[in-house]
Each structure stands twice: as C-alpha cells, then as structure tokens.
Amino acid sequence: MASIIDVHDLPEEEVRIIRELVECLRAKAKKRTGVEEERQEVVFTAHPSDVIGDLTRREIYEHL
C-alpha cells in the first residue's frame, strides 16, 4: 500500500527526520518478516516470603 505524506510546508531538517524514521520502520518491518529472532529465556527472581497460598493482583499492589 503506497501512501503520500504532504511535507511541503515543513523545514528541510524535519523532512529529513521523517525520511529517516520511515527508513528505520521499513528496516524493522523487514527484520520482523525475516528470520525469527532467537528467543531468550526470561529468568524471574524469587524473593523469600511468608505468604501461603495465592494472592490477587489487588493484594499484591494494595500497598502502593
């Protein structure tokens, strides 16, 4: 889908910034459709606690 963005009233520096942004977004989209990134395992830390059982989200964040 081709689109046209009207930048005739913008300063040349801002037009350059828009052009660079579009190029960056195109590269990001190309990377996304290319080889799938290697998935990294996320390691969550555990903290000692005296809680027994499950907590609701409200109970976890009620002190904030």
PDB file of N, CA and C in Angstrom:
ATOM      1  N   MET A   1       0.844  -1.171   0.000  1.00  0.00           N
ATOM      2  CA  MET A   1       0.000   0.000   0.000  1.00  0.00           C
ATOM      3  C   MET A   1       0.895   1.241   0.000  1.00  0.00           C
ATOM      4  N   ALA A   2       0.806   2.009  -1.021  1.00  0.00           N
ATOM      5  CA  ALA A   2       1.597   3.222  -1.127  1.00  0.00           C
ATOM      6  C   ALA A   2       0.789   4.407  -0.612  1.00  0.00           C
ATOM      7  N   SER A   3       1.467   5.237   0.167  1.00  0.00           N
ATOM      8  CA  SER A   3       0.827   6.432   0.701  1.00  0.00           C
ATOM      9  C   SER A   3       1.728   7.623   0.443  1.00  0.00           C
ATOM     10  N   ILE A   4       1.111   8.771   0.373  1.00  0.00           N
ATOM     11  CA  ILE A   4       1.866  10.004   0.170  1.00  0.00           C
ATOM     12  C   ILE A   4       1.658  10.885   1.396  1.00  0.00           C
ATOM     13  N   ILE A   5       2.757  11.387   1.924  1.00  0.00           N
ATOM     14  CA  ILE A   5       2.701  12.281   3.076  1.00  0.00           C
ATOM     15  C   ILE A   5       3.089  13.673   2.590  1.00  0.00           C
ATOM     16  N   ASP A   6       2.222  14.632   2.826  1.00  0.00           N
ATOM     17  CA  ASP A   6       2.461  16.001   2.385  1.00  0.00           C
ATOM     18  C   ASP A   6       3.364  16.711   3.398  1.00  0.00           C
ATOM     19  N   VAL A   7       4.592  17.018   2.988  1.00  0.00           N
ATOM     20  CA  VAL A   7       5.544  17.694   3.866  1.00  0.00           C
ATOM     21  C   VAL A   7       6.023  19.006   3.256  1.00  0.00           C
ATOM     22  N   HIS A   8       5.249  19.562   2.333  1.00  0.00           N
ATOM     23  CA  HIS A   8       5.707  20.742   1.594  1.00  0.00           C
ATOM     24  C   HIS A   8       5.927  21.969   2.485  1.00  0.00           C
ATOM     25  N   ASP A   9       5.229  22.068   3.611  1.00  0.00           N
ATOM     26  CA  ASP A   9       5.379  23.249   4.457  1.00  0.00           C
ATOM     27  C   ASP A   9       6.317  23.036   5.642  1.00  0.00           C
ATOM     28  N   LEU A  10       7.001  21.878   5.684  1.00  0.00           N
ATOM     29  CA  LEU A  10       7.943  21.607   6.775  1.00  0.00           C
ATOM     30  C   LEU A  10       9.354  22.022   6.384  1.00  0.00           C
ATOM     31  N   PRO A  11      10.157  22.397   7.363  1.00  0.00           N
ATOM     32  CA  PRO A  11      11.559  22.715   7.078  1.00  0.00           C
ATOM     33  C   PRO A  11      12.293  21.457   6.597  1.00  0.00           C
ATOM     34  N   GLU A  12      13.345  21.666   5.846  1.00  0.00           N
ATOM     35  CA  GLU A  12      14.104  20.552   5.257  1.00  0.00           C
ATOM     36  C   GLU A  12      14.633  19.594   6.327  1.00  0.00           C
ATOM     37  N   GLU A  13      15.038  20.102   7.460  1.00  0.00           N
ATOM     38  CA  GLU A  13      15.555  19.256   8.543  1.00  0.00           C
ATOM     39  C   GLU A  13      14.477  18.289   9.043  1.00  0.00           C
ATOM     40  N   GLU A  14      13.251  18.761   9.187  1.00  0.00           N
ATOM     41  CA  GLU A  14      12.163  17.903   9.644  1.00  0.00           C
ATOM     42  C   GLU A  14      11.777  16.882   8.583  1.00  0.00           C
ATOM     43  N   VAL A  15      11.869  17.249   7.319  1.00  0.00           N
ATOM     44  CA  VAL A  15      11.608  16.307   6.236  1.00  0.00           C
ATOM     45  C   VAL A  15      12.653  15.197   6.276  1.00  0.00           C
ATOM     46  N   ARG A  16      13.900  15.564   6.535  1.00  0.00           N
ATOM     47  CA  ARG A  16      14.977  14.571   6.634  1.00  0.00           C
ATOM     48  C   ARG A  16      14.715  13.613   7.786  1.00  0.00           C
ATOM     49  N   ILE A  17      14.247  14.130   8.922  1.00  0.00           N
ATOM     50  CA  ILE A  17      13.949  13.299  10.086  1.00  0.00           C
ATOM     51  C   ILE A  17      12.824  12.318   9.761  1.00  0.00           C
ATOM     52  N   ILE A  18      11.797  12.788   9.077  1.00  0.00           N
ATOM     53  CA  ILE A  18      10.685  11.913   8.690  1.00  0.00           C
ATOM     54  C   ILE A  18      11.182  10.823   7.749  1.00  0.00           C
ATOM     55  N   ARG A  19      12.025  11.189   6.798  1.00  0.00           N
ATOM     56  CA  ARG A  19      12.575  10.214   5.850  1.00  0.00           C
ATOM     57  C   ARG A  19      13.370   9.140   6.595  1.00  0.00           C
ATOM     58  N   GLU A  20      14.187   9.545   7.567  1.00  0.00           N
ATOM     59  CA  GLU A  20      14.979   8.585   8.343  1.00  0.00           C
ATOM     60  C   GLU A  20      14.079   7.690   9.182  1.00  0.00           C
ATOM     61  N   LEU A  21      13.006   8.250   9.738  1.00  0.00           N
ATOM     62  CA  LEU A  21      12.069   7.452  10.519  1.00  0.00           C
ATOM     63  C   LEU A  21      11.414   6.379   9.648  1.00  0.00           C
ATOM     64  N   VAL A  22      11.000   6.756   8.454  1.00  0.00           N
ATOM     65  CA  VAL A  22      10.372   5.800   7.544  1.00  0.00           C
ATOM     66  C   VAL A  22      11.360   4.696   7.176  1.00  0.00           C
ATOM     67  N   GLU A  23      12.606   5.046   6.917  1.00  0.00           N
ATOM     68  CA  GLU A  23      13.619   4.045   6.593  1.00  0.00           C
ATOM     69  C   GLU A  23      13.838   3.095   7.768  1.00  0.00           C
ATOM     70  N   CYS A  24      13.840   3.635   8.970  1.00  0.00           N
ATOM     71  CA  CYS A  24      14.002   2.818  10.169  1.00  0.00           C
ATOM     72  C   CYS A  24      12.830   1.856  10.327  1.00  0.00           C
ATOM     73  N   LEU A  25      11.615   2.344  10.118  1.00  0.00           N
ATOM     74  CA  LEU A  25      10.438   1.490  10.233  1.00  0.00           C
ATOM     75  C   LEU A  25      10.427   0.401   9.164  1.00  0.00           C
ATOM     76  N   ARG A  26      10.884   0.730   7.956  1.00  0.00           N
ATOM     77  CA  ARG A  26      10.972  -0.278   6.900  1.00  0.00           C
ATOM     78  C   ARG A  26      11.974  -1.365   7.262  1.00  0.00           C
ATOM     79  N   ALA A  27      13.116  -0.962   7.811  1.00  0.00           N
ATOM     80  CA  ALA A  27      14.131  -1.938   8.213  1.00  0.00           C
ATOM     81  C   ALA A  27      13.604  -2.833   9.332  1.00  0.00           C
ATOM     82  N   LYS A  28      12.870  -2.244  10.256  1.00  0.00           N
ATOM     83  CA  LYS A  28      12.289  -3.011  11.361  1.00  0.00           C
ATOM     84  C   LYS A  28      11.273  -4.018  10.835  1.00  0.00           C
ATOM     85  N   ALA A  29      10.435  -3.593   9.886  1.00  0.00           N
ATOM     86  CA  ALA A  29       9.436  -4.487   9.307  1.00  0.00           C
ATOM     87  C   ALA A  29      10.111  -5.608   8.521  1.00  0.00           C
ATOM     88  N   LYS A  30      11.175  -5.290   7.813  1.00  0.00           N
ATOM     89  CA  LYS A  30      11.895  -6.297   7.048  1.00  0.00           C
ATOM     90  C   LYS A  30      12.529  -7.315   7.976  1.00  0.00           C
ATOM     91  N   LYS A  31      13.072  -6.845   9.085  1.00  0.00           N
ATOM     92  CA  LYS A  31      13.685  -7.738  10.062  1.00  0.00           C
ATOM     93  C   LYS A  31      12.629  -8.650  10.678  1.00  0.00           C
ATOM     94  N   ARG A  32      11.453  -8.097  10.952  1.00  0.00           N
ATOM     95  CA  ARG A  32      10.366  -8.855  11.558  1.00  0.00           C
ATOM     96  C   ARG A  32       9.896  -9.975  10.634  1.00  0.00           C
ATOM     97  N   THR A  33       9.843  -9.713   9.335  1.00  0.00           N
ATOM     98  CA  THR A  33       9.373 -10.714   8.389  1.00  0.00           C
ATOM     99  C   THR A  33      10.481 -11.677   7.986  1.00  0.00           C
ATOM    100  N   GLY A  34      11.705 -11.360   8.335  1.00  0.00           N
ATOM    101  CA  GLY A  34      12.841 -12.212   8.022  1.00  0.00           C
ATOM    102  C   GLY A  34      12.947 -13.370   9.006  1.00  0.00           C
ATOM    103  N   VAL A  35      14.152 -13.767   9.290  1.00  0.00           N
ATOM    104  CA  VAL A  35      14.394 -14.873  10.204  1.00  0.00           C
ATOM    105  C   VAL A  35      13.906 -14.493  11.588  1.00  0.00           C
ATOM    106  N   GLU A  36      13.174 -15.412  12.197  1.00  0.00           N
ATOM    107  CA  GLU A  36      12.637 -15.138  13.525  1.00  0.00           C
ATOM    108  C   GLU A  36      13.781 -15.026  14.524  1.00  0.00           C
ATOM    109  N   GLU A  37      13.696 -14.017  15.367  1.00  0.00           N
ATOM    110  CA  GLU A  37      14.750 -13.791  16.347  1.00  0.00           C
ATOM    111  C   GLU A  37      14.840 -14.966  17.307  1.00  0.00           C
ATOM    112  N   GLU A  38      16.053 -15.227  17.731  1.00  0.00           N
ATOM    113  CA  GLU A  38      16.258 -16.298  18.697  1.00  0.00           C
ATOM    114  C   GLU A  38      15.618 -15.891  20.014  1.00  0.00           C
ATOM    115  N   ARG A  39      14.778 -16.762  20.527  1.00  0.00           N
ATOM    116  CA  ARG A  39      14.070 -16.443  21.769  1.00  0.00           C
ATOM    117  C   ARG A  39      15.011 -16.612  22.945  1.00  0.00           C
ATOM    118  N   GLN A  40      14.996 -15.622  23.815  1.00  0.00           N
ATOM    119  CA  GLN A  40      15.809 -15.674  25.014  1.00  0.00           C
ATOM    120  C   GLN A  40      14.923 -16.045  26.185  1.00  0.00           C
ATOM    121  N   GLU A  41      15.453 -16.898  27.033  1.00  0.00           N
ATOM    122  CA  GLU A  41      14.693 -17.309  28.199  1.00  0.00           C
ATOM    123  C   GLU A  41      14.727 -16.197  29.231  1.00  0.00           C
ATOM    124  N   VAL A  42      13.577 -15.884  29.773  1.00  0.00           N
ATOM    125  CA  VAL A  42      13.473 -14.854  30.796  1.00  0.00           C
ATOM    126  C   VAL A  42      13.553 -15.532  32.159  1.00  0.00           C
ATOM    127  N   VAL A  43      14.446 -15.035  32.978  1.00  0.00           N
ATOM    128  CA  VAL A  43      14.604 -15.604  34.311  1.00  0.00           C
ATOM    129  C   VAL A  43      14.046 -14.611  35.322  1.00  0.00           C
ATOM    130  N   PHE A  44      13.050 -15.048  36.065  1.00  0.00           N
ATOM    131  CA  PHE A  44      12.460 -14.215  37.094  1.00  0.00           C
ATOM    132  C   PHE A  44      13.113 -14.560  38.430  1.00  0.00           C
ATOM    133  N   THR A  45      13.362 -13.552  39.225  1.00  0.00           N
ATOM    134  CA  THR A  45      13.955 -13.807  40.529  1.00  0.00           C
ATOM    135  C   THR A  45      12.865 -14.134  41.536  1.00  0.00           C
ATOM    136  N   ALA A  46      13.244 -14.891  42.547  1.00  0.00           N
ATOM    137  CA  ALA A  46      12.306 -15.242  43.603  1.00  0.00           C
ATOM    138  C   ALA A  46      12.783 -14.601  44.890  1.00  0.00           C
ATOM    139  N   HIS A  47      11.852 -14.078  45.650  1.00  0.00           N
ATOM    140  CA  HIS A  47      12.183 -13.459  46.925  1.00  0.00           C
ATOM    141  C   HIS A  47      11.511 -14.247  48.040  1.00  0.00           C
ATOM    142  N   PRO A  48      12.234 -14.443  49.139  1.00  0.00           N
ATOM    143  CA  PRO A  48      11.618 -15.154  50.255  1.00  0.00           C
ATOM    144  C   PRO A  48      10.398 -14.396  50.772  1.00  0.00           C
ATOM    145  N   SER A  49       9.362 -15.134  51.129  1.00  0.00           N
ATOM    146  CA  SER A  49       8.134 -14.512  51.584  1.00  0.00           C
ATOM    147  C   SER A  49       7.439 -15.435  52.570  1.00  0.00           C
ATOM    148  N   ASP A  50       6.625 -14.839  53.432  1.00  0.00           N
ATOM    149  CA  ASP A  50       5.871 -15.646  54.381  1.00  0.00           C
ATOM    150  C   ASP A  50       4.436 -15.838  53.920  1.00  0.00           C
ATOM    151  N   VAL A  51       4.152 -15.562  52.640  1.00  0.00           N
ATOM    152  CA  VAL A  51       2.815 -15.701  52.099  1.00  0.00           C
ATOM    153  C   VAL A  51       2.541 -17.174  51.812  1.00  0.00           C
ATOM    154  N   ILE A  52       1.389 -17.641  52.259  1.00  0.00           N
ATOM    155  CA  ILE A  52       0.972 -19.008  51.978  1.00  0.00           C
ATOM    156  C   ILE A  52      -0.255 -18.929  51.086  1.00  0.00           C
ATOM    157  N   GLY A  53      -0.197 -19.572  49.952  1.00  0.00           N
ATOM    158  CA  GLY A  53      -1.326 -19.560  49.031  1.00  0.00           C
ATOM    159  C   GLY A  53      -1.151 -18.528  47.931  1.00  0.00           C
ATOM    160  N   ASP A  54      -2.227 -18.309  47.202  1.00  0.00           N
ATOM    161  CA  ASP A  54      -2.203 -17.383  46.075  1.00  0.00           C
ATOM    162  C   ASP A  54      -2.649 -15.992  46.507  1.00  0.00           C
ATOM    163  N   LEU A  55      -2.115 -14.986  45.827  1.00  0.00           N
ATOM    164  CA  LEU A  55      -2.508 -13.605  46.069  1.00  0.00           C
ATOM    165  C   LEU A  55      -3.206 -13.062  44.830  1.00  0.00           C
ATOM    166  N   THR A  56      -4.160 -12.189  45.033  1.00  0.00           N
ATOM    167  CA  THR A  56      -4.772 -11.498  43.904  1.00  0.00           C
ATOM    168  C   THR A  56      -3.888 -10.321  43.531  1.00  0.00           C
ATOM    169  N   ARG A  57      -4.103  -9.802  42.363  1.00  0.00           N
ATOM    170  CA  ARG A  57      -3.334  -8.639  41.922  1.00  0.00           C
ATOM    171  C   ARG A  57      -3.574  -7.461  42.863  1.00  0.00           C
ATOM    172  N   ARG A  58      -4.785  -7.282  43.310  1.00  0.00           N
ATOM    173  CA  ARG A  58      -5.121  -6.194  44.239  1.00  0.00           C
ATOM    174  C   ARG A  58      -4.325  -6.349  45.538  1.00  0.00           C
ATOM    175  N   GLU A  59      -4.242  -7.571  46.063  1.00  0.00           N
ATOM    176  CA  GLU A  59      -3.497  -7.805  47.296  1.00  0.00           C
ATOM    177  C   GLU A  59      -2.004  -7.525  47.120  1.00  0.00           C
ATOM    178  N   ILE A  60      -1.490  -7.845  45.961  1.00  0.00           N
ATOM    179  CA  ILE A  60      -0.062  -7.627  45.696  1.00  0.00           C
ATOM    180  C   ILE A  60       0.257  -6.134  45.661  1.00  0.00           C
ATOM    181  N   TYR A  61      -0.609  -5.341  45.026  1.00  0.00           N
ATOM    182  CA  TYR A  61      -0.300  -3.938  44.795  1.00  0.00           C
ATOM    183  C   TYR A  61      -1.038  -2.969  45.728  1.00  0.00           C
ATOM    184  N   GLU A  62      -1.732  -3.451  46.740  1.00  0.00           N
ATOM    185  CA  GLU A  62      -2.521  -2.551  47.587  1.00  0.00           C
ATOM    186  C   GLU A  62      -1.664  -1.614  48.420  1.00  0.00           C
ATOM    187  N   HIS A  63      -0.401  -1.919  48.618  1.00  0.00           N
ATOM    188  CA  HIS A  63       0.469  -1.045  49.406  1.00  0.00           C
ATOM    189  C   HIS A  63       0.976   0.167  48.621  1.00  0.00           C
ATOM    190  N   LEU A  64       0.778   0.178  47.337  1.00  0.00           N
ATOM    191  CA  LEU A  64       1.289   1.281  46.509  1.00  0.00           C
ATOM    192  C   LEU A  64       0.406   2.498  46.575  1.00  0.00           C
TER     193      LEU A  64
END
